Amino acid sequence: MDRRTIYFYMAGALLIVLLVLSITVGSIAIPLGRIFQILQNPHTLNSPDSKIIWQFRLPQSLTAVLAGASLSVSGLQMQTLFQNPLAGPFVLGISAGASLGVAVATGWSGGHNLSVVSSAGLGSALVILILLLSARWLSSPTSLLVLGLLLGYAVNGIVSILFQFTNSEQLRRFINWTLGNFSGVTWEQMPILFTFVIIGLGMAIGLAKPLNTLLLGEEQARSLGTALVRLRLLVMVNSALLVGAITAFCGPIAFIGVTVPHLCRLLWGGSDHRLLVGGVILIGSIVALSADLGTKILGGGVILPLNALTALVGIPGMIWIIGFAPGGKHRF
């Protein structure tokens, strides 16, 4: 058994351990044996412990797994598409579009969970549509990257203007959304999120081989028969699907999508997407679950903002990868 296969098994085992821990840890202590009893007998939902596990902790843990996998796969695709090691899931302005939708929802509909999710999805879809229409005339990846960044700035400007006409309570709800949260997805919403993520991850697996040709350069990719315009459109749609779904349900989660692909390249050695897609799914899920656990444990009874924790851990992680990890500085 080679080193890469061992890493896959180790990552899978660690993911299972963290999943169990995330269900166990919380403000109310529930013995591990009791948790296994509850999971084996879901019909006992009337007890307080069962409600805590089934209605709160389990959906939150599953959401963290889906979010970590989606953002990490999207980050990997963006870094390859734009040949930029600092590209992440939100470079196309999708997060800004979701923010516009949430700003409208909190101002006009009272900020109810369903209206926030649907409005964030519509805002993301609007930005995606503009980008896809523009991609027909912009052949350069750099031009698409710049357009995405400009769209993000423009939409954020609109959001800032909107909140000049809102009250403090509406502004507070919007800020809470921007901090990121895995706990807002209910069982009724889970099938929607799960469907988007599974479709997106399936597309990412199918795009792994064509993305490998991009690593050789555009001319070499064309000579190998890769339809570059079609590939860019598919990658953008795939990334938008993954990021739009997660942002709508969880808010903009920072640093996971940028950091995890680099960590996986170090662990598995190389840039073969046929290996890295599986690697980032596992490591991204592990990182998201760890961050979620950290918000519960480190706050001492107070739930810490998720994005604050991912930034405080993600920035040192990127510095280590750039400056100290073996081969890290040569990737930039």
Protein backbone atom coordinates (compact mmCIF):
# COMPACT_ATOMS: atom_id res chain seq x y z
CA MET A 1 0.00 0.00 0.00
CA ASP A 2 1.56 3.30 -1.09
CA ARG A 3 1.72 6.53 0.88
CA ARG A 4 -1.14 8.21 -0.98
CA THR A 5 -3.56 5.37 -0.26
CA ILE A 6 -2.57 5.40 3.41
CA TYR A 7 -3.35 9.13 3.55
CA PHE A 8 -6.82 8.48 2.15
CA TYR A 9 -7.53 5.84 4.80
CA MET A 10 -6.16 8.08 7.56
CA ALA A 11 -8.24 11.04 6.39
CA GLY A 12 -11.37 8.89 6.22
CA ALA A 13 -10.81 7.57 9.75
CA LEU A 14 -10.15 11.07 11.10
CA LEU A 15 -13.32 12.34 9.43
CA ILE A 16 -15.40 9.67 11.18
CA VAL A 17 -13.82 10.49 14.56
CA LEU A 18 -14.46 14.21 14.12
CA LEU A 19 -18.04 13.55 13.01
CA VAL A 20 -18.69 11.62 16.23
CA LEU A 21 -16.99 14.33 18.29
CA SER A 22 -19.01 17.08 16.67
CA ILE A 23 -22.23 15.31 17.63
CA THR A 24 -20.95 14.73 21.16
CA VAL A 25 -19.64 18.22 21.98
CA GLY A 26 -22.06 20.94 22.95
CA SER A 27 -23.32 23.12 25.77
CA ILE A 28 -25.31 20.15 27.13
CA ALA A 29 -23.25 17.07 27.96
CA ILE A 30 -24.64 13.82 26.52
CA PRO A 31 -22.71 10.56 27.15
CA LEU A 32 -21.32 8.86 24.05
CA GLY A 33 -23.19 5.65 24.80
CA ARG A 34 -26.45 7.58 25.01
CA ILE A 35 -25.71 9.21 21.64
CA PHE A 36 -25.26 5.82 19.95
CA GLN A 37 -28.56 4.66 21.49
CA ILE A 38 -30.33 7.72 20.10
CA LEU A 39 -28.82 7.28 16.62
CA GLN A 40 -29.87 3.62 16.56
CA ASN A 41 -33.41 4.43 17.70
CA PRO A 42 -34.56 7.59 15.91
CA HIS A 43 -38.18 6.98 16.94
CA THR A 44 -37.37 8.20 20.48
CA LEU A 45 -37.55 11.85 19.40
CA ASN A 46 -39.64 12.96 22.35
CA SER A 47 -36.75 12.90 24.80
CA PRO A 48 -34.71 16.13 25.17
CA ASP A 49 -31.45 14.36 24.32
CA SER A 50 -32.92 12.99 21.10
CA LYS A 51 -34.15 16.41 20.04
CA ILE A 52 -30.72 17.93 20.63
CA ILE A 53 -28.98 15.24 18.57
CA TRP A 54 -31.46 14.86 15.71
CA GLN A 55 -32.71 18.43 15.33
CA PHE A 56 -29.52 20.39 16.02
CA ARG A 57 -26.18 18.60 16.24
CA LEU A 58 -26.51 16.02 13.47
CA PRO A 59 -27.75 18.48 10.79
CA GLN A 60 -25.03 20.93 11.82
CA SER A 61 -22.30 18.29 11.50
CA LEU A 62 -23.55 17.06 8.12
CA THR A 63 -23.75 20.65 6.88
CA ALA A 64 -20.12 21.21 7.92
CA VAL A 65 -19.06 18.12 5.95
CA LEU A 66 -20.94 19.25 2.84
CA ALA A 67 -19.66 22.82 3.13
CA GLY A 68 -16.02 21.84 3.65
CA ALA A 69 -16.07 19.46 0.69
CA SER A 70 -17.83 21.92 -1.62
CA LEU A 71 -15.69 24.96 -0.85
CA SER A 72 -12.45 22.99 -1.10
CA VAL A 73 -13.34 21.45 -4.47
CA SER A 74 -14.38 24.86 -5.78
CA GLY A 75 -11.12 26.40 -4.56
CA LEU A 76 -9.10 23.68 -6.30
CA GLN A 77 -10.93 24.30 -9.56
CA MET A 78 -10.53 28.08 -9.38
CA GLN A 79 -6.80 27.84 -8.67
CA THR A 80 -6.34 25.60 -11.70
CA LEU A 81 -8.64 27.56 -14.01
CA PHE A 82 -7.02 30.92 -13.28
CA GLN A 83 -3.51 29.54 -12.63
CA ASN A 84 -3.52 31.59 -9.45
CA PRO A 85 -2.58 30.02 -6.09
CA LEU A 86 -4.58 32.64 -4.18
CA ALA A 87 -7.80 32.10 -6.13
CA GLY A 88 -10.65 30.81 -4.02
CA PRO A 89 -14.33 29.92 -4.24
CA PHE A 90 -15.46 33.56 -4.09
CA VAL A 91 -13.28 35.14 -6.79
CA LEU A 92 -16.17 35.18 -9.27
CA GLY A 93 -18.29 37.48 -7.10
CA ILE A 94 -20.77 34.75 -6.18
CA SER A 95 -20.52 35.59 -2.49
CA ALA A 96 -21.25 39.25 -3.24
CA GLY A 97 -24.35 38.25 -5.21
CA ALA A 98 -25.55 36.14 -2.27
CA SER A 99 -24.88 39.09 0.06
CA LEU A 100 -27.09 41.30 -2.11
CA GLY A 101 -29.89 38.74 -1.92
CA VAL A 102 -29.56 38.49 1.86
CA ALA A 103 -29.50 42.28 2.22
CA VAL A 104 -32.77 42.50 0.29
CA ALA A 105 -34.28 39.64 2.30
CA THR A 106 -33.37 41.11 5.69
CA GLY A 107 -34.67 44.52 4.66
CA TRP A 108 -37.94 43.50 3.03
CA SER A 109 -38.99 40.13 4.42
CA GLY A 110 -37.85 40.29 8.03
CA GLY A 111 -34.91 37.95 7.51
CA HIS A 112 -36.77 34.64 7.90
CA ASN A 113 -34.52 31.63 7.26
CA LEU A 114 -36.28 30.43 4.10
CA SER A 115 -36.41 33.88 2.53
CA VAL A 116 -32.73 34.48 3.32
CA VAL A 117 -31.69 31.18 1.71
CA SER A 118 -33.82 31.68 -1.41
CA SER A 119 -32.74 35.32 -1.79
CA ALA A 120 -29.06 34.40 -1.40
CA GLY A 121 -29.50 31.74 -4.06
CA LEU A 122 -31.17 34.19 -6.44
CA GLY A 123 -28.41 36.76 -5.86
CA SER A 124 -25.73 34.17 -6.60
CA ALA A 125 -27.62 33.03 -9.71
CA LEU A 126 -27.76 36.63 -11.01
CA VAL A 127 -23.97 37.01 -10.79
CA ILE A 128 -23.46 33.56 -12.33
CA LEU A 129 -25.72 34.47 -15.27
CA ILE A 130 -23.78 37.69 -15.93
CA LEU A 131 -20.49 35.80 -15.84
CA LEU A 132 -21.68 33.02 -18.14
CA LEU A 133 -23.00 35.55 -20.68
CA SER A 134 -19.74 37.48 -20.50
CA ALA A 135 -17.65 34.32 -20.90
CA ARG A 136 -18.84 34.06 -24.51
CA TRP A 137 -16.85 37.21 -25.35
CA LEU A 138 -14.01 37.02 -22.84
CA SER A 139 -11.61 34.29 -23.90
CA SER A 140 -8.94 35.04 -21.30
CA PRO A 141 -9.22 33.53 -17.79
CA THR A 142 -7.61 36.69 -16.42
CA SER A 143 -10.40 38.80 -17.95
CA LEU A 144 -13.02 36.59 -16.29
CA LEU A 145 -11.19 36.86 -12.98
CA VAL A 146 -11.07 40.66 -13.20
CA LEU A 147 -14.75 40.79 -14.20
CA GLY A 148 -15.68 38.64 -11.21
CA LEU A 149 -13.75 40.89 -8.85
CA LEU A 150 -15.30 44.03 -10.35
CA LEU A 151 -18.78 42.55 -10.05
CA GLY A 152 -18.05 41.76 -6.43
CA TYR A 153 -17.01 45.35 -5.70
CA ALA A 154 -20.06 46.75 -7.52
CA VAL A 155 -22.51 44.49 -5.71
CA ASN A 156 -20.92 45.20 -2.34
CA GLY A 157 -21.36 48.90 -3.09
CA ILE A 158 -25.08 48.33 -3.70
CA VAL A 159 -25.32 46.39 -0.43
CA SER A 160 -23.68 49.28 1.45
CA ILE A 161 -26.18 51.73 -0.01
CA LEU A 162 -29.13 49.47 0.86
CA PHE A 163 -28.11 49.34 4.49
CA GLN A 164 -28.17 53.11 4.78
CA PHE A 165 -31.96 52.71 4.67
CA THR A 166 -32.31 49.84 7.16
CA ASN A 167 -32.57 49.73 10.93
CA SER A 168 -30.05 48.32 13.39
CA GLU A 169 -31.91 45.02 13.79
CA GLN A 170 -31.82 44.32 10.06
CA LEU A 171 -28.14 45.24 9.96
CA ARG A 172 -27.45 42.88 12.88
CA ARG A 173 -29.14 39.97 11.07
CA PHE A 174 -27.06 40.62 7.96
CA ILE A 175 -23.80 40.78 9.94
CA ASN A 176 -24.68 37.50 11.66
CA TRP A 177 -25.12 35.88 8.25
CA THR A 178 -21.72 37.15 7.06
CA LEU A 179 -20.02 35.53 10.07
CA GLY A 180 -20.84 32.08 8.71
CA ASN A 181 -22.82 29.36 10.41
CA PHE A 182 -23.34 25.63 9.93
CA SER A 183 -26.31 25.43 12.29
CA GLY A 184 -29.00 27.05 10.15
CA VAL A 185 -29.88 24.07 7.93
CA THR A 186 -32.97 22.10 8.94
CA TRP A 187 -33.89 18.56 7.92
CA GLU A 188 -36.47 20.03 5.54
CA GLN A 189 -33.73 22.00 3.77
CA MET A 190 -31.08 19.27 3.89
CA PRO A 191 -32.27 17.38 0.76
CA ILE A 192 -31.97 20.61 -1.27
CA LEU A 193 -28.44 21.33 -0.07
CA PHE A 194 -27.43 17.67 -0.39
CA THR A 195 -28.70 17.47 -3.98
CA PHE A 196 -26.80 20.58 -5.09
CA VAL A 197 -23.59 19.40 -3.43
CA ILE A 198 -23.76 15.83 -4.80
CA ILE A 199 -24.39 17.11 -8.33
CA GLY A 200 -21.51 19.57 -7.97
CA LEU A 201 -19.08 16.98 -6.60
CA GLY A 202 -20.08 14.53 -9.33
CA MET A 203 -19.34 17.18 -11.96
CA ALA A 204 -15.99 17.92 -10.29
CA ILE A 205 -14.97 14.26 -10.54
CA GLY A 206 -15.91 14.25 -14.21
CA LEU A 207 -13.87 17.44 -14.84
CA ALA A 208 -10.73 16.14 -13.11
CA LYS A 209 -9.06 14.74 -16.22
CA PRO A 210 -9.72 17.79 -18.46
CA LEU A 211 -8.44 20.09 -15.71
CA ASN A 212 -5.19 18.12 -15.66
CA THR A 213 -4.54 19.23 -19.23
CA LEU A 214 -4.77 22.89 -18.16
CA LEU A 215 -1.76 22.35 -15.90
CA LEU A 216 0.31 21.84 -19.07
CA GLY A 217 -0.64 25.25 -20.45
CA GLU A 218 -3.39 26.37 -22.83
CA GLU A 219 -1.52 25.52 -26.03
CA GLN A 220 -0.70 22.01 -24.86
CA ALA A 221 -4.28 21.55 -23.64
CA ARG A 222 -5.62 22.50 -27.08
CA SER A 223 -3.22 20.11 -28.78
CA LEU A 224 -4.57 17.32 -26.56
CA GLY A 225 -8.10 18.05 -27.75
CA THR A 226 -9.40 20.03 -24.79
CA ALA A 227 -12.16 22.49 -25.69
CA LEU A 228 -11.00 25.33 -23.47
CA VAL A 229 -14.05 27.59 -23.74
CA ARG A 230 -16.40 24.71 -22.94
CA LEU A 231 -14.16 23.58 -20.07
CA ARG A 232 -14.09 27.08 -18.55
CA LEU A 233 -17.87 27.32 -18.73
CA LEU A 234 -18.33 23.90 -17.10
CA VAL A 235 -15.85 24.71 -14.33
CA MET A 236 -17.51 28.05 -13.66
CA VAL A 237 -20.97 26.45 -13.53
CA ASN A 238 -19.68 23.68 -11.28
CA SER A 239 -17.93 26.06 -8.89
CA ALA A 240 -20.91 28.41 -8.87
CA LEU A 241 -23.24 25.51 -8.05
CA LEU A 242 -21.13 24.42 -5.08
CA VAL A 243 -20.35 27.89 -3.74
CA GLY A 244 -23.81 29.31 -4.35
CA ALA A 245 -25.51 26.49 -2.44
CA ILE A 246 -23.16 26.65 0.55
CA THR A 247 -23.19 30.45 0.72
CA ALA A 248 -26.97 30.56 0.56
CA PHE A 249 -27.38 28.14 3.45
CA CYS A 250 -24.29 28.89 5.57
CA GLY A 251 -23.07 32.36 4.64
CA PRO A 252 -19.64 33.14 3.13
CA ILE A 253 -17.15 30.75 4.77
CA ALA A 254 -13.61 32.12 4.43
CA PHE A 255 -10.19 30.50 3.88
CA ILE A 256 -11.25 26.83 3.67
CA GLY A 257 -11.46 26.91 -0.12
CA VAL A 258 -8.11 28.68 -0.50
CA THR A 259 -6.04 26.74 2.03
CA VAL A 260 -7.21 23.12 1.69
CA PRO A 261 -6.14 22.59 -1.97
CA HIS A 262 -2.57 23.62 -1.13
CA LEU A 263 -2.52 21.35 1.91
CA CYS A 264 -3.71 18.44 -0.23
CA ARG A 265 -1.05 19.09 -2.87
CA LEU A 266 1.55 18.80 -0.13
CA LEU A 267 0.04 15.64 1.33
CA TRP A 268 -0.55 13.75 -1.91
CA GLY A 269 2.40 15.22 -3.79
CA GLY A 270 1.58 16.72 -7.17
CA SER A 271 -1.38 18.27 -8.93
CA ASP A 272 -3.25 15.30 -10.39
CA HIS A 273 -6.92 16.24 -10.01
CA ARG A 274 -7.98 12.60 -10.12
CA LEU A 275 -6.32 12.27 -6.70
CA LEU A 276 -6.79 15.80 -5.43
CA VAL A 277 -10.57 15.96 -5.86
CA GLY A 278 -11.00 13.04 -3.45
CA GLY A 279 -8.33 14.49 -1.18
CA VAL A 280 -9.88 17.95 -0.91
CA ILE A 281 -13.32 16.44 -0.26
CA LEU A 282 -11.93 14.56 2.76
CA ILE A 283 -9.57 17.25 4.06
CA GLY A 284 -12.09 20.03 3.44
CA SER A 285 -14.70 18.13 5.46
CA ILE A 286 -12.15 17.56 8.24
CA VAL A 287 -11.17 21.23 8.35
CA ALA A 288 -14.81 22.40 8.39
CA LEU A 289 -15.74 19.97 11.17
CA SER A 290 -12.65 21.04 13.15
CA ALA A 291 -13.60 24.69 12.76
CA ASP A 292 -17.15 23.95 13.88
CA LEU A 293 -15.82 22.07 16.91
CA GLY A 294 -13.49 24.97 17.67
CA THR A 295 -16.36 27.46 17.76
CA LYS A 296 -18.03 25.31 20.44
CA ILE A 297 -14.98 24.43 22.54
CA LEU A 298 -12.84 27.59 22.51
CA GLY A 299 -15.66 29.99 23.37
CA GLY A 300 -16.12 28.64 26.90
CA GLY A 301 -19.89 28.49 26.61
CA VAL A 302 -20.13 31.19 23.93
CA ILE A 303 -20.31 30.14 20.27
CA LEU A 304 -17.47 31.91 18.42
CA PRO A 305 -17.99 33.35 14.92
CA LEU A 306 -17.04 30.68 12.40
CA ASN A 307 -15.28 33.04 9.96
CA ALA A 308 -13.16 34.50 12.76
CA LEU A 309 -11.83 31.04 13.57
CA THR A 310 -11.22 30.01 9.96
CA ALA A 311 -9.30 33.25 9.38
CA LEU A 312 -7.18 32.92 12.52
CA VAL A 313 -6.25 29.35 11.58
CA GLY A 314 -6.22 29.76 7.81
CA ILE A 315 -3.81 32.69 7.64
CA PRO A 316 -1.01 30.97 9.64
CA GLY A 317 -1.68 27.83 7.62
CA MET A 318 -1.13 29.66 4.33
CA ILE A 319 2.00 31.37 5.70
CA TRP A 320 3.40 27.97 6.68
CA ILE A 321 2.60 26.47 3.28
CA ILE A 322 4.19 29.40 1.45
CA GLY A 323 7.33 29.77 3.51
CA PHE A 324 8.08 26.59 5.43
CA ALA A 325 6.36 23.53 3.95
CA PRO A 326 8.61 21.37 1.72
CA GLY A 327 8.16 22.64 -1.81
CA GLY A 328 5.54 25.14 -0.71
CA LYS A 329 7.33 28.30 -1.87
CA HIS A 330 7.79 26.80 -5.32
CA ARG A 331 4.04 26.63 -5.83
CA PHE A 332 3.66 30.44 -5.76
